[in-house]
C-alpha cells in the first residue's frame, strides 16, 4: 500500500542523578532536566533495535527482579572512556509501560 508507514519506537533508559527545575513547568511552562544520565539515555536509544527498550547496567541492576533482560554487546558512547554495558528488556509488561508513557 502506497503511503503506509510503520512507526518504530526505540527507547533508551539510564539510571543516575539529574537536576530538575520543577518550577519551570508551572502555568503551562516546560520543566527542565539535565545531567549526564539524560545524555546517556539519549545515546543508548540510538543503539536500541526497533521496537525495543534498552537500559544501562545501573537500570538493569535496579529492575532485574521484575524484568528479564538480554545482554547486548557493550557500546562506546561519546564522552565515555569505557564501553557501556547494554541490555534489552524482554518483558512485554515493561516494554508496554515504557512505550505507553512515551506517547
N, C-alpha and C. Protein backbone atom coordinates (compact mmCIF):
# COMPACT_ATOMS: atom_id res chain seq x y z
N UNK A 1 0.84 -1.18 0.00
CA UNK A 1 0.00 0.00 0.00
C UNK A 1 0.89 1.24 0.00
N UNK A 2 0.70 2.08 -0.95
CA UNK A 2 1.49 3.30 -1.04
C UNK A 2 1.12 4.26 0.08
N UNK A 3 2.14 4.91 0.64
CA UNK A 3 1.89 5.90 1.67
C UNK A 3 1.76 5.34 3.08
N UNK A 4 1.80 4.04 3.22
CA UNK A 4 1.66 3.45 4.55
C UNK A 4 3.04 3.37 5.20
N UNK A 5 3.13 3.89 6.41
CA UNK A 5 4.39 3.88 7.14
C UNK A 5 4.20 3.18 8.46
N UNK A 6 5.13 2.33 8.80
CA UNK A 6 5.10 1.69 10.11
C UNK A 6 5.91 2.56 11.07
N UNK A 7 5.39 2.73 12.25
CA UNK A 7 6.08 3.52 13.26
C UNK A 7 6.89 2.57 14.13
N UNK A 8 8.15 2.89 14.30
CA UNK A 8 9.04 2.08 15.12
C UNK A 8 9.48 2.93 16.31
N UNK A 9 9.52 2.31 17.47
CA UNK A 9 9.90 3.03 18.67
C UNK A 9 11.17 2.44 19.24
N UNK A 10 12.08 3.31 19.62
CA UNK A 10 13.31 2.93 20.29
C UNK A 10 13.38 3.73 21.58
N UNK A 11 13.71 3.06 22.68
CA UNK A 11 13.77 3.74 23.96
C UNK A 11 15.09 3.37 24.64
N UNK A 12 15.78 4.37 25.17
CA UNK A 12 16.98 4.17 25.97
C UNK A 12 16.71 4.67 27.38
N UNK A 13 17.08 3.86 28.38
CA UNK A 13 16.85 4.23 29.78
C UNK A 13 18.17 4.10 30.53
N UNK A 14 18.52 5.14 31.29
CA UNK A 14 19.71 5.12 32.12
C UNK A 14 19.33 5.59 33.52
N UNK A 15 20.04 5.10 34.50
CA UNK A 15 19.76 5.45 35.89
C UNK A 15 20.90 6.28 36.45
N UNK A 16 20.57 7.36 37.13
CA UNK A 16 21.58 8.22 37.73
C UNK A 16 20.96 9.50 38.26
N UNK A 17 21.81 10.42 38.64
CA UNK A 17 21.36 11.68 39.22
C UNK A 17 21.13 12.73 38.13
N UNK A 18 20.08 13.54 38.34
CA UNK A 18 19.77 14.63 37.42
C UNK A 18 19.40 15.87 38.23
N UNK A 19 19.45 17.00 37.57
CA UNK A 19 18.96 18.25 38.14
C UNK A 19 17.64 18.55 37.45
N UNK A 20 16.61 18.88 38.24
CA UNK A 20 15.28 19.14 37.70
C UNK A 20 14.80 20.51 38.16
N UNK A 21 14.30 21.31 37.21
CA UNK A 21 13.71 22.60 37.53
C UNK A 21 12.20 22.43 37.43
N UNK A 22 11.57 22.02 38.53
CA UNK A 22 10.14 21.76 38.55
C UNK A 22 9.34 23.06 38.44
N UNK A 23 9.85 24.13 39.00
CA UNK A 23 9.13 25.40 38.97
C UNK A 23 8.90 25.89 37.55
N UNK A 24 9.78 25.54 36.64
CA UNK A 24 9.63 26.00 35.25
C UNK A 24 8.40 25.39 34.57
N UNK A 25 7.88 24.30 35.12
CA UNK A 25 6.73 23.63 34.50
C UNK A 25 5.39 24.21 34.95
N UNK A 26 5.41 25.11 35.89
CA UNK A 26 4.16 25.71 36.37
C UNK A 26 3.53 26.60 35.31
N UNK A 27 2.24 26.75 35.38
CA UNK A 27 1.48 27.64 34.49
C UNK A 27 1.73 27.35 33.01
N UNK A 28 1.79 26.08 32.66
CA UNK A 28 1.91 25.71 31.25
C UNK A 28 3.32 25.78 30.69
N UNK A 29 4.29 26.04 31.54
CA UNK A 29 5.68 26.09 31.07
C UNK A 29 6.24 24.69 30.91
N UNK A 30 7.47 24.62 30.49
CA UNK A 30 8.13 23.34 30.30
C UNK A 30 9.22 23.19 31.34
N UNK A 31 9.23 22.05 32.03
CA UNK A 31 10.27 21.77 33.02
C UNK A 31 11.59 21.53 32.32
N UNK A 32 12.65 21.56 33.09
CA UNK A 32 13.98 21.36 32.55
C UNK A 32 14.68 20.29 33.37
N UNK A 33 15.37 19.40 32.69
CA UNK A 33 16.11 18.34 33.35
C UNK A 33 17.49 18.27 32.71
N UNK A 34 18.52 18.10 33.52
CA UNK A 34 19.87 17.98 32.95
C UNK A 34 20.70 17.03 33.81
N UNK A 35 21.72 16.53 33.21
CA UNK A 35 22.63 15.61 33.87
C UNK A 35 23.18 14.64 32.84
N UNK A 36 24.32 14.06 33.14
CA UNK A 36 24.94 13.16 32.18
C UNK A 36 24.08 11.94 31.90
N UNK A 37 23.24 11.55 32.85
CA UNK A 37 22.38 10.38 32.65
C UNK A 37 21.35 10.64 31.55
N UNK A 38 20.94 11.89 31.38
CA UNK A 38 19.99 12.24 30.31
C UNK A 38 20.66 12.02 28.95
N UNK A 39 21.89 12.48 28.84
CA UNK A 39 22.64 12.29 27.60
C UNK A 39 22.90 10.81 27.35
N UNK A 40 23.23 10.08 28.41
CA UNK A 40 23.47 8.64 28.26
C UNK A 40 22.24 7.93 27.74
N UNK A 41 21.07 8.24 28.31
CA UNK A 41 19.83 7.60 27.85
C UNK A 41 19.56 7.91 26.39
N UNK A 42 19.79 9.13 25.98
CA UNK A 42 19.58 9.51 24.57
C UNK A 42 20.54 8.75 23.66
N UNK A 43 21.76 8.60 24.09
CA UNK A 43 22.74 7.87 23.27
C UNK A 43 22.44 6.38 23.24
N UNK A 44 21.96 5.83 24.35
CA UNK A 44 21.57 4.41 24.36
C UNK A 44 20.42 4.16 23.39
N UNK A 45 19.53 5.10 23.30
CA UNK A 45 18.38 4.98 22.41
C UNK A 45 18.82 4.72 20.98
N UNK A 46 19.92 5.32 20.58
CA UNK A 46 20.42 5.13 19.22
C UNK A 46 20.85 3.68 18.96
N UNK A 47 21.17 2.94 20.01
CA UNK A 47 21.60 1.55 19.87
C UNK A 47 20.46 0.55 20.08
N UNK A 48 19.28 1.04 20.37
CA UNK A 48 18.15 0.15 20.60
C UNK A 48 17.64 -0.40 19.27
N UNK A 49 17.48 -1.72 19.18
CA UNK A 49 16.82 -2.26 17.99
C UNK A 49 15.39 -1.72 17.91
N UNK A 50 14.82 -1.71 16.72
CA UNK A 50 13.46 -1.20 16.54
C UNK A 50 12.49 -1.88 17.49
N UNK A 51 11.57 -1.09 18.04
CA UNK A 51 10.51 -1.55 18.95
C UNK A 51 11.05 -2.24 20.20
N UNK A 52 12.14 -1.72 20.72
CA UNK A 52 12.69 -2.28 21.95
C UNK A 52 13.06 -1.17 22.94
N UNK A 53 13.28 -1.61 24.16
CA UNK A 53 13.76 -0.75 25.23
C UNK A 53 15.12 -1.30 25.64
N UNK A 54 16.15 -0.44 25.64
CA UNK A 54 17.46 -0.85 26.12
C UNK A 54 17.81 -0.02 27.35
N UNK A 55 18.57 -0.64 28.25
CA UNK A 55 18.91 0.02 29.50
C UNK A 55 20.40 -0.15 29.78
N UNK A 56 20.91 0.70 30.66
CA UNK A 56 22.29 0.57 31.09
C UNK A 56 22.36 -0.41 32.26
N UNK A 57 23.58 -0.67 32.73
CA UNK A 57 23.76 -1.66 33.80
C UNK A 57 23.10 -1.22 35.11
N UNK A 58 23.14 0.07 35.42
CA UNK A 58 22.53 0.54 36.67
C UNK A 58 21.02 0.32 36.66
N UNK A 59 20.39 0.57 35.54
CA UNK A 59 18.94 0.35 35.43
C UNK A 59 18.62 -1.13 35.52
N UNK A 60 19.41 -1.95 34.84
CA UNK A 60 19.20 -3.40 34.90
C UNK A 60 19.33 -3.90 36.33
N UNK A 61 20.33 -3.43 37.04
CA UNK A 61 20.54 -3.86 38.43
C UNK A 61 19.37 -3.49 39.33
N UNK A 62 18.74 -2.35 39.06
CA UNK A 62 17.59 -1.90 39.86
C UNK A 62 16.31 -2.66 39.55
N UNK A 63 16.23 -3.23 38.36
CA UNK A 63 14.95 -3.79 37.93
C UNK A 63 14.99 -5.25 37.51
N UNK A 64 16.12 -5.93 37.68
CA UNK A 64 16.21 -7.29 37.15
C UNK A 64 15.39 -8.32 37.91
N UNK A 65 14.86 -7.98 39.06
CA UNK A 65 13.96 -8.90 39.77
C UNK A 65 12.60 -9.00 39.08
N UNK A 66 12.22 -7.94 38.38
CA UNK A 66 10.90 -7.90 37.75
C UNK A 66 10.95 -7.94 36.23
N UNK A 67 12.14 -7.78 35.68
CA UNK A 67 12.27 -7.69 34.23
C UNK A 67 13.35 -8.64 33.75
N UNK A 68 13.07 -9.36 32.69
CA UNK A 68 14.07 -10.21 32.06
C UNK A 68 14.82 -9.37 31.03
N UNK A 69 16.12 -9.57 30.97
CA UNK A 69 16.96 -8.81 30.04
C UNK A 69 17.82 -9.74 29.19
N UNK A 70 18.12 -9.27 28.01
CA UNK A 70 19.08 -9.93 27.13
C UNK A 70 20.29 -9.02 27.07
N UNK A 71 21.46 -9.57 27.36
CA UNK A 71 22.68 -8.77 27.30
C UNK A 71 23.05 -8.53 25.83
N UNK A 72 23.33 -7.30 25.51
CA UNK A 72 23.78 -6.91 24.17
C UNK A 72 25.26 -6.57 24.24
N UNK A 73 25.92 -6.49 23.12
CA UNK A 73 27.34 -6.09 23.15
C UNK A 73 27.49 -4.69 23.74
N UNK A 74 28.54 -4.47 24.55
CA UNK A 74 28.78 -3.13 25.10
C UNK A 74 28.98 -2.13 23.97
N UNK A 75 28.66 -0.87 24.26
CA UNK A 75 28.80 0.19 23.26
C UNK A 75 29.70 1.29 23.82
N UNK A 76 30.45 1.90 22.93
CA UNK A 76 31.30 3.02 23.32
C UNK A 76 30.56 4.31 22.98
N UNK A 77 30.20 5.05 24.01
CA UNK A 77 29.44 6.29 23.83
C UNK A 77 30.37 7.49 23.86
N UNK A 78 30.02 8.50 23.11
CA UNK A 78 30.79 9.74 23.12
C UNK A 78 30.87 10.28 24.54
N UNK A 79 32.03 10.73 24.94
CA UNK A 79 32.21 11.30 26.26
C UNK A 79 32.51 10.26 27.34
N UNK A 80 32.54 9.00 26.98
CA UNK A 80 32.84 7.93 27.94
C UNK A 80 34.17 7.28 27.58
N UNK A 81 34.98 6.99 28.60
CA UNK A 81 36.28 6.38 28.33
C UNK A 81 36.19 4.86 28.22
N UNK A 82 35.12 4.29 28.76
CA UNK A 82 34.94 2.84 28.72
C UNK A 82 33.62 2.50 28.03
N UNK A 83 33.53 1.30 27.46
CA UNK A 83 32.25 0.88 26.88
C UNK A 83 31.18 0.77 27.96
N UNK A 84 29.94 1.00 27.58
CA UNK A 84 28.79 0.92 28.48
C UNK A 84 28.08 -0.40 28.21
N UNK A 85 27.81 -1.16 29.28
CA UNK A 85 27.05 -2.40 29.14
C UNK A 85 25.62 -2.07 28.74
N UNK A 86 25.07 -2.85 27.85
CA UNK A 86 23.76 -2.59 27.28
C UNK A 86 22.89 -3.83 27.40
N UNK A 87 21.63 -3.63 27.80
CA UNK A 87 20.69 -4.74 27.99
C UNK A 87 19.36 -4.41 27.34
N UNK A 88 18.77 -5.41 26.70
CA UNK A 88 17.47 -5.26 26.05
C UNK A 88 16.40 -5.84 26.96
N UNK A 89 15.38 -5.04 27.28
CA UNK A 89 14.27 -5.52 28.10
C UNK A 89 13.45 -6.52 27.30
N UNK A 90 13.22 -7.69 27.88
CA UNK A 90 12.46 -8.74 27.21
C UNK A 90 11.03 -8.84 27.70
N UNK A 91 10.77 -8.38 28.92
CA UNK A 91 9.43 -8.49 29.49
C UNK A 91 8.47 -7.56 28.76
N UNK A 92 7.42 -8.10 28.23
CA UNK A 92 6.45 -7.31 27.49
C UNK A 92 5.80 -6.25 28.39
N UNK A 93 5.57 -6.58 29.66
CA UNK A 93 4.94 -5.63 30.57
C UNK A 93 5.78 -4.36 30.69
N UNK A 94 7.07 -4.48 30.82
CA UNK A 94 7.94 -3.31 30.96
C UNK A 94 7.97 -2.53 29.65
N UNK A 95 8.11 -3.21 28.53
CA UNK A 95 8.14 -2.53 27.25
C UNK A 95 6.84 -1.77 27.03
N UNK A 96 5.70 -2.39 27.33
CA UNK A 96 4.41 -1.74 27.14
C UNK A 96 4.31 -0.51 28.02
N UNK A 97 4.74 -0.62 29.27
CA UNK A 97 4.66 0.50 30.20
C UNK A 97 5.52 1.66 29.74
N UNK A 98 6.77 1.40 29.37
CA UNK A 98 7.67 2.47 28.93
C UNK A 98 7.18 3.09 27.64
N UNK A 99 6.76 2.27 26.69
CA UNK A 99 6.31 2.80 25.41
C UNK A 99 5.03 3.60 25.57
N UNK A 100 4.14 3.20 26.50
CA UNK A 100 2.90 3.93 26.73
C UNK A 100 3.18 5.30 27.31
N UNK A 101 4.16 5.42 28.18
CA UNK A 101 4.49 6.71 28.77
C UNK A 101 5.16 7.64 27.78
N UNK A 102 5.72 7.07 26.74
CA UNK A 102 6.39 7.91 25.74
C UNK A 102 5.38 8.62 24.84
N UNK A 103 4.22 8.03 24.66
CA UNK A 103 3.21 8.58 23.74
C UNK A 103 2.64 9.89 24.21
